[in-house]
Protein backbone atom coordinates (compact mmCIF):
# COMPACT_ATOMS: atom_id res chain seq x y z
CA MET A 1 -0.16 17.06 12.92
CA GLN A 2 3.21 16.19 14.58
CA ASN A 3 5.82 14.19 12.81
CA LEU A 4 4.77 10.50 12.00
CA THR A 5 5.58 8.08 14.81
CA ILE A 6 6.77 4.73 13.50
CA ALA A 7 5.35 2.70 16.37
CA LEU A 8 4.93 -0.36 14.21
CA GLU A 9 8.01 -1.10 12.24
CA GLU A 10 7.07 -0.89 8.63
CA GLU A 11 8.20 -3.78 6.24
CA ILE A 12 8.58 -1.36 3.65
CA GLY A 13 11.89 -0.13 5.22
CA ASN A 14 12.63 3.32 4.84
CA PRO A 15 9.40 5.25 5.68
CA HIS A 16 9.98 7.72 2.86
CA VAL A 17 9.79 4.95 0.20
CA PHE A 18 6.02 4.92 1.12
CA VAL A 19 4.17 7.16 -1.61
CA GLY A 20 0.73 7.97 -2.52
CA ARG A 21 -2.32 5.91 -1.49
CA ASP A 22 -4.08 9.11 -0.46
CA GLU A 23 -7.56 7.86 -1.50
CA ASP A 24 -6.98 4.62 0.48
CA LEU A 25 -5.82 6.20 3.67
CA THR A 26 -8.54 8.75 3.56
CA TYR A 27 -10.87 5.92 3.09
CA LEU A 28 -9.51 4.14 6.14
CA LEU A 29 -9.12 7.23 8.36
CA ASN A 30 -12.95 7.96 7.65
CA TRP A 31 -13.82 4.35 8.29
CA ALA A 32 -11.93 4.67 11.73
CA GLN A 33 -13.82 7.87 12.54
CA ARG A 34 -17.10 6.19 11.85
CA THR A 35 -16.23 3.61 14.40
CA LYS A 36 -16.96 6.18 17.15
CA GLN A 37 -20.59 6.21 16.27
CA LYS A 38 -20.50 2.49 15.79
CA ALA A 39 -21.11 3.02 12.22
CA SER A 40 -18.21 0.97 10.61
CA GLN A 41 -18.37 -2.56 9.38
CA SER A 42 -15.34 -4.85 9.55
CA THR A 43 -13.58 -4.65 6.17
CA ALA A 44 -11.27 -6.81 4.02
CA ILE A 45 -8.75 -5.12 1.91
CA LEU A 46 -8.15 -7.26 -1.25
CA SER A 47 -5.35 -7.37 -3.93
CA ARG A 48 -2.77 -9.80 -5.21
CA ARG A 49 0.71 -9.94 -3.58
CA LYS A 50 3.22 -7.01 -3.71
CA ARG A 51 0.45 -4.46 -4.35
CA GLY A 52 1.19 -2.78 -1.14
CA LYS A 53 -1.37 -4.07 1.38
CA THR A 54 0.87 -4.48 4.27
CA ALA A 55 2.61 -1.08 3.63
CA LEU A 56 -0.75 0.52 3.63
CA VAL A 57 -2.18 -1.00 6.84
CA GLN A 58 1.08 -0.65 8.58
CA ARG A 59 1.09 3.24 7.74
CA PHE A 60 -2.59 3.36 8.77
CA TYR A 61 -1.68 1.79 12.09
CA ASN A 62 1.19 4.49 12.51
CA LEU A 63 -1.13 7.26 11.52
CA LEU A 64 -3.80 6.27 14.06
CA TYR A 65 -0.98 5.97 16.78
CA THR A 66 0.33 9.29 15.84
CA LEU A 67 -3.01 10.98 15.88
CA ALA A 68 -3.47 9.97 19.40
CA ASP A 69 -7.35 10.02 19.44
CA PRO A 70 -8.03 8.31 22.79
CA MET A 71 -11.02 6.48 21.26
CA LEU A 72 -9.29 5.05 18.29
CA ILE A 73 -6.68 2.21 19.52
CA PRO A 74 -5.06 0.20 16.66
CA THR A 75 -3.70 -3.21 17.07
CA TYR A 76 -1.74 -5.18 14.35
CA LEU A 77 -1.25 -8.99 13.92
CA SER A 78 0.15 -10.91 10.85
CA ALA A 79 -1.44 -14.34 10.44
CA PRO A 80 1.06 -17.20 10.74
CA GLU A 81 2.40 -18.41 7.40
CA VAL A 82 3.81 -21.62 9.02
CA LYS A 83 1.97 -24.31 11.02
CA THR A 84 1.29 -23.37 14.76
CA ASN A 85 -0.88 -24.92 17.26
CA GLN A 86 -4.01 -23.22 18.58
CA LEU A 87 -3.08 -22.78 22.14
CA GLU A 88 0.39 -21.16 21.43
CA PHE A 89 -1.41 -18.96 18.81
CA ALA A 90 -4.11 -17.82 21.18
CA GLN A 91 -1.51 -16.93 23.79
CA SER A 92 0.44 -14.92 21.22
CA TYR A 93 -2.69 -13.24 20.01
CA TYR A 94 -3.70 -12.33 23.42
CA LEU A 95 -0.19 -10.88 24.37
CA SER A 96 -0.10 -8.86 21.33
CA VAL A 97 -3.47 -7.12 21.58
CA LEU A 98 -3.04 -6.40 25.21
CA THR A 99 0.62 -5.07 24.74
CA GLN A 100 -0.36 -2.77 21.95
CA TYR A 101 -3.25 -1.55 23.97
CA PHE A 102 -0.86 -0.38 26.82
CA ALA A 103 1.71 0.92 24.10
CA PHE A 104 -1.20 3.34 22.84
CA VAL A 105 -2.71 4.47 26.13
CA ASN A 106 0.74 4.95 27.81
CA ARG A 107 2.22 6.50 24.66
CA GLN A 108 5.09 4.03 24.71
CA PRO A 109 5.71 2.98 21.00
CA GLU A 110 8.72 0.91 22.07
CA LEU A 111 6.22 -1.78 23.55
CA VAL A 112 4.79 -2.49 19.95
CA SER A 113 7.99 -3.76 18.41
CA THR A 114 9.25 -5.61 21.48
CA THR A 115 8.54 -9.13 22.54
CA TYR A 116 7.50 -9.42 26.06
CA SER A 117 7.13 -12.55 28.18
CA TRP A 118 3.90 -13.74 29.85
CA ASP A 119 5.22 -12.32 33.35
CA ASP A 120 5.97 -8.95 31.81
CA VAL A 121 2.50 -8.58 30.30
CA ALA A 122 0.97 -9.74 33.69
CA ASP A 123 2.74 -6.83 35.39
CA MET A 124 1.13 -4.53 32.91
CA ALA A 125 -2.33 -5.86 33.44
CA LYS A 126 -1.91 -5.36 37.22
CA THR A 127 -2.19 -1.58 36.64
CA ASN A 128 -5.99 -2.08 35.82
CA ASP A 129 -8.36 -4.17 37.78
CA PHE A 130 -10.46 -5.04 34.83
CA LEU A 131 -7.46 -6.24 32.80
CA ARG A 132 -5.90 -7.89 35.65
CA LYS A 133 -9.00 -10.19 36.02
CA ASP A 134 -9.20 -10.69 32.23
CA PHE A 135 -5.45 -11.66 32.33
CA GLN A 136 -6.19 -14.18 35.16
CA SER A 137 -8.93 -15.79 33.09
CA MET A 138 -6.61 -16.23 30.16
CA GLU A 139 -4.07 -17.89 32.54
CA LYS A 140 -6.69 -20.35 33.70
CA TRP A 141 -7.53 -21.44 30.07
CA ILE A 142 -3.83 -21.75 29.36
CA SER A 143 -2.96 -23.71 32.48
CA GLU A 144 -5.78 -26.07 31.64
CA ARG A 145 -4.53 -26.31 28.07
CA SER A 146 -8.12 -25.59 26.98
CA SER A 147 -7.24 -24.42 23.52
CA SER A 148 -10.79 -23.50 22.32
CA ASN A 149 -11.61 -21.49 25.33
CA ALA A 150 -8.17 -19.90 25.32
CA TRP A 151 -8.63 -18.75 21.63
CA LYS A 152 -12.20 -17.61 22.14
CA HIS A 153 -11.05 -15.42 25.16
CA ALA A 154 -8.11 -13.98 23.01
CA GLN A 155 -10.16 -13.38 20.03
CA GLU A 156 -12.77 -11.24 21.97
CA LEU A 157 -10.29 -9.25 23.99
CA GLY A 158 -10.49 -6.16 21.68
CA HIS A 159 -14.14 -6.25 22.02
CA ARG A 160 -14.07 -6.53 25.65
CA ILE A 161 -11.78 -3.66 26.25
CA SER A 162 -13.86 -1.45 23.75
CA ALA A 163 -17.07 -2.20 25.51
CA ARG A 164 -15.55 -1.71 29.15
CA PHE A 165 -13.73 1.63 28.41
CA ASP A 166 -15.83 3.18 25.74
CA VAL A 167 -13.06 3.05 23.18
CA ARG A 168 -12.51 1.41 19.60
CA VAL A 169 -9.83 -1.11 19.33
CA ILE A 170 -9.34 -1.51 15.68
CA GLU A 171 -7.80 -4.90 14.95
CA ILE A 172 -5.75 -5.13 11.84
CA ILE A 173 -5.03 -8.78 10.74
CA ASP A 174 -2.65 -9.17 7.75
CA GLU A 175 -2.97 -12.26 5.55
CA PHE A 176 -6.21 -13.25 7.15
CA GLN A 177 -6.71 -16.25 4.75
CA TYR A 178 -3.93 -18.25 6.63
CA PHE A 179 -6.25 -18.57 9.63
CA GLN A 180 -8.02 -21.16 7.68
CA ASN A 181 -5.25 -23.74 7.42
CA HIS A 182 -2.23 -22.83 9.35
CA ILE A 183 -3.36 -23.44 12.84
CA TYR A 184 -3.78 -26.89 14.54
CA LEU A 185 -4.57 -28.83 17.70
CA ASP A 186 -1.91 -30.10 19.70
CA GLY A 187 -0.23 -33.03 18.04
CA GLN A 188 -2.78 -32.97 15.06
CA LEU A 189 -0.59 -31.25 12.42
CA ASP A 190 -2.48 -33.04 9.64
CA HIS A 191 -5.79 -31.55 10.49
CA PRO A 192 -6.11 -27.74 10.50
CA ILE A 193 -8.62 -25.80 12.20
CA ASP A 194 -10.54 -23.26 10.25
CA LEU A 195 -10.15 -20.17 12.66
CA ALA A 196 -11.17 -17.86 9.89
CA THR A 197 -14.76 -18.75 10.05
CA SER A 198 -14.76 -18.57 13.80
CA TYR A 199 -14.87 -14.74 13.21
CA SER A 200 -18.51 -14.88 11.98
CA LYS A 201 -19.69 -13.41 15.43
CA ARG A 202 -16.62 -11.42 16.17
CA ALA A 203 -16.57 -9.57 12.73
CA GLU A 204 -19.95 -8.06 13.69
CA SER A 205 -18.50 -6.20 16.53
CA LYS A 206 -19.28 -2.37 16.06
CA VAL A 207 -17.06 -1.24 19.00
CA SER A 208 -14.04 -3.23 17.73
CA PRO A 209 -14.26 -3.72 14.03
CA GLN A 210 -11.58 -5.65 12.06
CA LEU A 211 -9.44 -4.66 9.07
CA VAL A 212 -8.17 -7.77 7.41
CA THR A 213 -5.98 -8.21 4.39
CA GLY A 214 -5.34 -11.14 2.05
CA SER A 215 -3.14 -11.43 -0.90
CA ARG A 216 -4.83 -14.71 -2.11
CA VAL A 217 -7.96 -12.72 -3.37
CA GLY A 218 -9.87 -15.89 -4.50
CA TRP A 219 -9.21 -17.73 -1.41
CA LEU A 220 -10.15 -14.83 1.00
CA THR A 221 -13.25 -13.84 -0.74
CA THR A 222 -14.33 -17.38 -0.53
CA ILE A 223 -13.73 -17.25 3.22
CA ILE A 224 -15.59 -13.92 3.78
CA ARG A 225 -18.38 -14.55 1.59
CA ARG A 226 -19.32 -17.50 3.68
CA MET A 227 -19.93 -15.08 6.52
CA VAL A 228 -22.51 -13.30 4.58
CA GLY A 229 -22.80 -9.61 5.30
CA ARG A 230 -19.92 -9.50 7.90
CA TYR A 231 -17.21 -7.93 5.89
CA ASP A 232 -17.10 -4.97 3.37
CA GLU A 233 -14.61 -5.39 0.63
CA HIS A 234 -12.06 -2.69 -0.40
CA TYR A 235 -9.79 -3.35 -3.37
CA LEU A 236 -6.42 -2.03 -3.47
CA GLY A 237 -5.63 -1.09 -7.08
CA PRO A 238 -2.28 0.12 -8.87
CA PHE A 239 -1.00 3.58 -8.19
CA THR A 240 -2.67 6.74 -9.56
CA ASP A 241 -0.55 8.28 -12.34
CA ALA A 242 0.73 10.99 -10.02
CA GLU A 243 1.72 8.39 -7.27
CA ALA A 244 3.34 6.13 -9.93
CA LEU A 245 5.48 8.96 -11.18
CA GLU A 246 6.54 10.04 -7.65
CA ALA A 247 7.44 6.43 -7.01
CA VAL A 248 9.68 6.46 -10.15
CA TYR A 249 11.60 9.44 -9.06
CA ASN A 250 11.78 8.21 -5.38
CA TYR A 251 13.32 4.77 -6.57
CA SER A 252 15.65 6.61 -8.95
CA LYS A 253 17.11 8.59 -6.06
CA LEU A 254 17.12 5.47 -3.70
CA GLU A 255 18.67 3.21 -6.07
CA GLY A 256 21.09 5.71 -7.70
CA GLU A 257 19.51 4.88 -11.13
CA PRO A 258 19.47 7.83 -13.63
CA ILE A 259 16.23 8.57 -15.50
CA ASN A 260 15.03 11.46 -17.51
CA ASP A 261 11.73 13.42 -18.38
CA GLU A 262 11.02 11.03 -21.26
CA THR A 263 11.69 7.70 -19.58
CA ALA A 264 10.09 8.55 -16.17
CA PRO A 265 6.56 8.54 -17.57
CA TYR A 266 7.33 5.68 -19.94
CA ILE A 267 8.31 3.51 -16.89
CA VAL A 268 5.04 4.36 -15.31
CA THR A 269 3.21 3.31 -18.59
CA VAL A 270 4.94 0.14 -19.19
CA CYS A 271 4.66 -0.84 -15.39
CA PHE A 272 1.01 -0.20 -15.67
CA ASN A 273 1.32 2.00 -12.45
CA ASP A 274 2.10 -1.18 -10.38
CA PRO A 275 4.19 -0.50 -7.35
CA TYR A 276 6.02 -3.82 -7.40
CA TYR A 277 6.74 -3.68 -11.23
CA ILE A 278 8.17 -0.06 -10.67
CA ALA A 279 10.37 -1.20 -7.82
CA GLN A 280 11.83 -4.11 -9.67
CA ILE A 281 12.69 -2.05 -12.84
CA PHE A 282 15.10 -0.10 -10.61
CA ARG A 283 16.42 -3.11 -8.60
CA SER A 284 16.78 -5.35 -11.65
CA ARG A 285 20.01 -7.32 -11.87
CA PHE A 286 19.91 -6.86 -15.72
CA LYS A 287 23.57 -6.09 -16.48
CA ALA A 288 22.78 -3.88 -19.37
CA LYS A 289 20.20 -1.90 -17.55
CA ASP A 290 19.78 1.62 -18.84
CA LEU A 291 16.75 3.52 -17.70
CA THR A 292 17.64 6.73 -19.62
CA THR A 293 16.25 5.24 -22.93
CA GLN A 294 12.94 3.67 -23.83
CA GLU A 295 14.80 0.78 -25.40
CA GLY A 296 16.69 0.25 -22.26
CA VAL A 297 13.52 0.21 -20.09
CA ALA A 298 11.87 -2.25 -22.41
CA GLN A 299 14.87 -4.62 -22.25
CA THR A 300 14.96 -4.38 -18.44
CA LEU A 301 11.27 -5.25 -18.14
CA GLU A 302 11.65 -8.22 -20.48
CA PHE A 303 14.56 -9.41 -18.33
CA GLU A 304 12.27 -9.28 -15.28
CA THR A 305 9.63 -11.31 -16.84
CA ASP A 306 12.06 -14.28 -17.24
CA SER A 307 11.43 -17.09 -14.76
CA GLN A 308 15.20 -17.83 -14.36
CA THR A 309 16.33 -14.22 -13.69
CA GLY A 310 13.39 -11.88 -13.04
CA ARG A 311 11.85 -11.02 -9.58
CA ILE A 312 8.56 -10.06 -11.18
CA ALA A 313 8.37 -13.53 -12.79
CA LYS A 314 9.11 -15.12 -9.56
CA MET A 315 6.34 -13.43 -7.70
CA TRP A 316 3.81 -14.52 -10.46
CA LEU A 317 5.41 -18.16 -10.33
CA GLU A 318 4.13 -18.55 -6.71
CA TYR A 319 0.57 -18.11 -7.99
CA ILE A 320 1.14 -20.30 -11.17
CA TRP A 321 2.70 -23.21 -9.38
CA ASP A 322 -0.08 -23.18 -6.85
CA VAL A 323 -2.47 -24.30 -9.24
CA PHE A 324 -0.30 -26.15 -11.79
CA ASP A 325 1.48 -28.39 -9.15
CA ARG A 326 -2.08 -29.68 -8.69
CA ILE A 327 -3.66 -29.54 -12.16
CA ASN A 328 -0.68 -29.85 -14.64
CA GLU A 329 -2.88 -30.25 -17.46
CA VAL A 330 -2.73 -28.81 -21.01
CA ASN A 331 -6.48 -27.79 -21.15
CA THR A 332 -6.06 -25.62 -18.05
CA LYS A 333 -2.96 -23.89 -19.43
CA LYS A 334 -4.79 -23.13 -22.66
CA ILE A 335 -7.71 -21.50 -20.67
CA VAL A 336 -5.09 -19.31 -18.72
CA LEU A 337 -3.29 -18.26 -21.97
CA TYR A 338 -6.57 -17.65 -23.85
CA LEU A 339 -8.08 -15.35 -21.16
CA ALA A 340 -4.78 -13.62 -20.53
CA GLY A 341 -4.58 -12.54 -24.11
CA ILE A 342 -8.01 -10.82 -24.04
CA LYS A 343 -7.36 -7.23 -23.20
CA GLU A 344 -11.01 -6.33 -22.47
CA GLY A 345 -14.23 -8.18 -22.05
CA GLU A 346 -15.04 -11.60 -20.75
CA LYS A 347 -15.94 -14.93 -22.06
CA SER A 348 -18.56 -17.38 -21.02
CA ARG A 349 -17.84 -21.00 -20.28
CA ALA A 350 -19.62 -22.07 -23.56
CA GLU A 351 -17.41 -19.64 -25.50
CA ILE A 352 -14.21 -21.06 -23.67
CA GLN A 353 -15.24 -24.54 -24.53
CA GLN A 354 -16.02 -23.75 -28.15
CA ASP A 355 -13.08 -21.58 -29.06
CA LEU A 356 -10.52 -23.78 -27.42
CA GLU A 357 -12.15 -27.18 -28.42
CA LEU A 358 -11.29 -28.54 -25.00
CA GLY A 359 -13.62 -31.61 -25.02
CA LEU A 360 -14.37 -31.23 -21.34
CA SER A 361 -17.70 -31.68 -19.60
CA ASP A 362 -19.22 -28.62 -18.31
CA PRO A 363 -18.65 -29.71 -14.61
CA GLU A 364 -15.09 -30.40 -15.47
CA LEU A 365 -14.61 -27.10 -16.99
CA GLU A 366 -16.20 -25.22 -14.12
CA GLU A 367 -14.07 -27.13 -11.66
CA ARG A 368 -10.87 -26.02 -13.46
CA LEU A 369 -11.99 -22.49 -13.80
CA HIS A 370 -12.99 -22.28 -10.05
CA LYS A 371 -9.36 -23.54 -9.07
CA LEU A 372 -7.85 -20.94 -11.45
CA MET A 373 -9.93 -18.21 -9.79
CA LYS A 374 -9.01 -19.34 -6.21
CA ALA A 375 -5.29 -19.19 -7.40
CA ASP A 376 -5.86 -15.56 -8.72
CA ILE A 377 -4.72 -16.08 -12.14
CA ILE A 378 -8.27 -15.53 -13.71
CA ARG A 379 -11.22 -13.66 -12.52
CA LEU A 380 -14.97 -14.03 -12.52
CA GLY A 381 -16.88 -11.99 -14.96
CA GLU A 382 -20.27 -10.32 -14.50
CA SER A 383 -21.84 -13.71 -13.70
CA ASN A 384 -20.87 -17.02 -12.33
CA PHE A 385 -20.88 -18.09 -15.98
CA HIS A 386 -18.44 -15.64 -17.38
CA TYR A 387 -14.72 -15.22 -16.84
CA GLN A 388 -11.86 -12.93 -17.61
CA GLY A 389 -8.20 -12.79 -17.65
CA LEU A 390 -6.40 -10.36 -15.10
CA GLY A 391 -5.88 -7.67 -17.65
CA ASP A 392 -2.13 -7.54 -16.89
CA PRO A 393 0.25 -7.86 -19.85
CA ILE A 394 3.24 -8.55 -17.46
CA PHE A 395 1.44 -11.68 -16.17
CA ALA A 396 0.54 -12.71 -19.73
CA GLN A 397 4.16 -12.56 -20.77
CA VAL A 398 5.40 -14.43 -17.74
CA PHE A 399 2.92 -17.22 -18.45
CA ARG A 400 3.41 -17.23 -22.14
CA LYS A 401 7.28 -17.72 -21.66
CA LEU A 402 6.64 -20.67 -19.34
CA TYR A 403 3.85 -22.45 -21.43
CA GLY A 404 3.82 -20.73 -24.84
CA PRO A 405 6.31 -23.05 -26.49
CA GLU A 406 4.25 -26.11 -25.27
CA ILE A 407 0.69 -24.63 -26.15
CA GLU A 408 1.43 -22.49 -29.17
CA ASN A 409 4.42 -24.27 -30.47
CA ILE A 410 6.36 -20.98 -30.80
CA ASP A 411 10.13 -20.21 -30.38
CA PRO A 412 10.85 -18.67 -26.87
CA GLN A 413 12.97 -15.97 -28.65
CA MET A 414 10.00 -15.06 -30.75
CA ILE A 415 7.96 -14.60 -27.47
CA ARG A 416 10.63 -12.18 -26.04
CA SER A 417 11.10 -10.23 -29.45
CA GLN A 418 7.25 -9.80 -29.42
CA PHE A 419 7.01 -8.55 -25.98
CA ILE A 420 9.79 -5.97 -26.39
CA GLU A 421 7.97 -4.71 -29.66
CA GLN A 422 4.69 -4.58 -27.66
CA ILE A 423 6.24 -2.62 -24.89
CA LYS A 424 7.89 -0.18 -27.31
CA GLN A 425 4.72 0.73 -28.94
CA LEU A 426 3.54 1.99 -25.54
CA ARG A 427 4.20 5.69 -24.78
CA GLY A 428 4.16 7.69 -21.60
CA GLU A 429 2.65 11.00 -22.93
CA LEU A 430 4.86 13.74 -21.93
CA SER A 431 2.23 16.51 -22.23
CA TYR A 432 -0.07 14.53 -19.92
CA TYR A 433 2.77 14.38 -17.07
CA LYS A 434 3.99 17.96 -17.70
CA GLY A 435 2.57 19.37 -14.41
CA MET A 436 3.71 16.29 -12.30
CA LEU A 437 7.31 16.50 -13.97
CA MET A 438 7.65 20.17 -12.92
CA GLU A 439 7.19 19.35 -9.26
CA TYR A 440 10.18 17.00 -9.52
CA ARG A 441 12.30 19.49 -11.43
CA VAL A 442 11.53 22.21 -8.81
CA ARG A 443 12.31 19.79 -6.00
CA ASP A 444 15.66 18.69 -7.56
CA ARG A 445 16.64 22.28 -8.16
CA ILE A 446 15.78 23.30 -4.69
CA GLU A 447 17.66 20.40 -3.08
CA VAL A 448 20.70 21.27 -5.10
CA ARG A 449 20.80 24.81 -4.00
CA LEU A 450 20.01 24.02 -0.33
CA LYS A 451 23.22 21.67 -0.39
CA GLU A 452 25.23 24.95 -1.02
CA GLY A 453 24.37 26.03 2.41
CA ARG A 454 23.06 29.42 1.42
CA GLY A 455 19.51 28.93 2.91
CA LEU A 456 16.89 30.15 0.40
CA GLU A 457 19.13 32.39 -1.56
CA GLY A 458 18.92 31.45 -5.33
CA ILE A 459 15.67 29.89 -4.52
CA VAL A 460 13.15 32.60 -3.80
CA TYR A 461 13.02 36.49 -4.29
CA ASN A 462 14.05 38.61 -1.32
CA PRO A 463 15.06 35.46 0.74
CA PRO A 464 15.09 35.57 4.57
CA SER A 465 18.48 35.77 6.13
CA ASN A 466 17.85 32.70 8.27
CA PRO A 467 17.93 29.82 8.30
CA LYS A 468 21.23 29.35 6.42
CA THR A 469 20.86 25.49 6.35
CA LEU A 470 17.82 23.37 5.85
CA HIS A 471 17.98 19.61 6.19
CA PHE A 472 15.01 17.57 5.54
CA ARG A 473 13.96 14.11 6.62
CA SER A 474 11.97 13.95 3.43
CA PHE A 475 11.16 16.63 0.80
CA LYS A 476 8.53 15.48 -1.62
CA LYS A 477 4.72 15.56 -2.63
CA ASP A 478 3.04 14.87 0.67
CA ARG A 479 -0.34 14.86 2.56
CA ILE A 480 -0.25 16.59 5.77
CA TYR A 481 -2.78 14.96 8.29
CA LEU A 482 -4.25 17.66 10.58
CA LEU A 483 -6.91 16.31 12.93
CA GLN A 484 -8.93 13.09 12.53
CA ASP A 485 -9.76 12.68 8.93
CA ALA A 486 -8.72 16.17 7.69
CA SER A 487 -5.71 16.51 5.53
CA ILE A 488 -4.09 18.95 3.04
CA GLU A 489 -2.12 17.91 -0.02
CA MET A 490 1.23 19.80 -0.39
CA ASP A 491 3.01 19.89 -3.80
CA LEU A 492 6.37 19.70 -2.00
CA TYR A 493 6.80 19.50 1.88
CA GLY A 494 10.10 19.35 3.54
CA ARG A 495 10.08 18.07 7.19
CA ASN A 496 13.06 19.40 8.88
CA GLN A 497 15.39 16.73 10.47
CA ASP A 498 15.53 18.85 13.82
CA ASP A 499 12.21 18.40 15.66
CA HIS A 500 12.63 22.23 16.36
CA GLY A 501 13.61 23.21 12.95
CA ILE A 502 11.72 25.08 10.28
CA ASP A 503 9.87 23.13 7.44
CA LEU A 504 9.37 24.08 3.83
CA CYS A 505 6.09 24.13 2.24
CA VAL A 506 6.06 24.63 -1.63
CA GLU A 507 3.04 25.26 -3.98
CA VAL A 508 4.03 24.48 -7.71
CA LYS A 509 2.09 25.81 -10.77
CA ASP A 510 3.42 25.25 -14.29
CA TRP A 511 1.16 27.55 -16.23
CA LYS A 512 2.07 29.47 -19.46
CA ASP A 513 -0.15 32.30 -18.67
CA LYS A 514 -0.34 34.32 -15.56
CA LEU A 515 -1.94 32.96 -12.59
CA PRO A 516 -5.63 33.58 -11.77
CA HIS A 517 -6.17 35.40 -8.51
CA ALA A 518 -8.16 32.49 -7.22
CA ALA A 519 -4.92 30.27 -7.06
CA ILE A 520 -3.18 32.99 -4.96
CA GLU A 521 -6.23 33.03 -2.53
CA ALA A 522 -6.23 29.30 -2.37
CA PHE A 523 -2.76 29.16 -1.40
CA VAL A 524 -3.06 31.91 1.26
CA SER A 525 -6.02 29.86 2.83
CA LYS A 526 -4.06 26.56 2.63
CA LYS A 527 -1.10 28.43 4.48
CA ALA A 528 -3.57 29.65 7.20
CA ARG A 529 -4.94 26.12 7.82
CA LEU A 530 -1.45 24.55 7.78
CA GLU A 531 -0.12 27.06 10.32
CA GLN A 532 -2.99 26.36 12.56
CA TYR A 533 -2.13 22.70 13.00
CA LEU A 534 1.47 22.16 12.16
CA ASN A 535 2.65 23.24 15.53
CA ARG A 536 6.07 24.15 14.18
CA PRO A 537 7.55 26.91 12.04
CA ALA A 538 7.43 26.72 8.22
CA ILE A 539 8.38 28.78 5.29
CA PHE A 540 5.84 28.92 2.65
CA VAL A 541 6.93 29.27 -1.18
CA PHE A 542 4.86 29.78 -4.17
CA TYR A 543 6.61 28.70 -7.36
CA ALA A 544 4.89 29.82 -10.76
CA SER A 545 6.62 29.08 -13.94
CA SER A 546 5.29 32.24 -15.61
CA GLY A 547 5.80 34.54 -12.61
CA PHE A 548 3.28 36.87 -10.94
CA THR A 549 1.52 40.13 -11.36
CA LEU A 550 2.60 43.10 -9.04
CA ALA A 551 -0.80 42.81 -7.23
CA GLN A 552 -0.24 38.99 -6.76
CA LEU A 553 3.36 39.61 -5.40
CA GLN A 554 2.04 42.09 -2.94
CA ARG A 555 -0.78 39.86 -1.59
CA LEU A 556 1.65 36.78 -1.11
CA ALA A 557 4.19 39.02 0.53
CA GLU A 558 1.63 40.49 2.97
CA ASN A 559 0.79 36.85 4.03
CA GLY A 560 4.41 35.89 4.64
CA ILE A 561 4.71 33.77 1.34
CA TYR A 562 7.87 33.97 -0.63
CA THR A 563 7.97 33.55 -4.42
CA SER A 564 9.94 31.83 -7.18
CA ASP A 565 9.63 31.19 -10.79
CA ALA A 566 11.45 29.65 -13.76
CA GLU A 567 13.88 32.47 -14.06
CA MET A 568 14.88 32.19 -10.48
CA LEU A 569 15.46 28.48 -10.53
CA ASN A 570 16.84 28.43 -14.06
CA LEU A 571 14.31 26.11 -15.37
């Protein structure tokens, strides 16, 4: 596949900061492919804030744009987080979908990120008779200030385009829950319209399915489950171990914060593979921050859980204050603290009542638990009668710092000390991460030697004379998307800065014994597949710590694959 086109500006910033999420992207690409057969259902991606939903769906959008399958047309809209009236929102929604449709079919990515006037989009619509008439209908509703008709017409635009041109307009709506209480009729800002449930019929479209996200999981699930059977649910979890370790090394480079082979897996472990926690460890304003020791990592994380100083704490405070501004009551705090301290398992309402001696009636307790669930600081268990905490020790620490002195009558300094000791007991098992760590060692050594301007000399045996310089936009573990949902994972992939330059593909095997022949044949096959789809020259390198047999060297050489080992890279 050609280089990723960033048609939609990604909020993550530098596109190379995006790591992993291979399983989720594969799921979404397969979901998109099934829409061609009208076999996909509208889907909601659920997770708490800062877990990476927006980054995921924006990358999915750009992947679809880059793949340029004429049947799969992505559109992206972020729900308003401030009050807006229905007529203005309908107009904005309509313009956004139509402009992005033209951006895709005309291959003009600049249209996606540019705000166009009503007259500008009218000129675009004139290029197609069907869309010209559709635009005129929208103009009619706008001029008559018929907000309900304008909204219905805007909401169904993707479906009409899909049905008319036999394509699949995939509508991505970020933070869908705000459709429920952020949109109003003209002059009635005290009475929001629930536009979310107006999607009951629209969500059933098989030619223009929706992909919606929500960071208020309890709130969004309440909305979509009222529309029974309309939305599938896909939960976005933490990073895999490999993804989390890659993120640690990426942030170390990006932020200029040194780490080592012991603290890298330790950061993964104490951050529980969470993308936001990892990022804030490196971005922390803790003056004594030292990420080269486990003590330093633990102290930095403790700093980040402080409501006065830490970004991690401030993220959780948005959830906590959402409910405690309305129910600032001791029993409710006891419930959260109690469930947050349970590492595994769940508790029934009767057990919560008995263990905490709350003295609440069952309806009163149920009401408090429901509000805590909707605020996403506890979860429902196996039944509507059972509940559990989030299973997140970082949240538990933030909450305990806030309310522990009040509920447990414990000194705040003791809470800090106990947390640091708890974190110190965690260990990132070096042996488990050994193979992943080797990829980063190889990458770093190659990058250092490439900077010397001698091409692949000192990197591979019998290096080619050209190129003398290789400059990459990114050089990391990567998944290379071929056609549609097909992809290949490359241990290290360097994408050349020059569109006509040479890329670098590196396979890394950190085995004590000699490689089996099957590993050689697998890489030969991988090279053949990549060369078929890359549409650009690439150098292929096989790194094996223990080296190769003579027969393996010959087999790789005859397939144009260079070799390297621990001795060559001084590892």
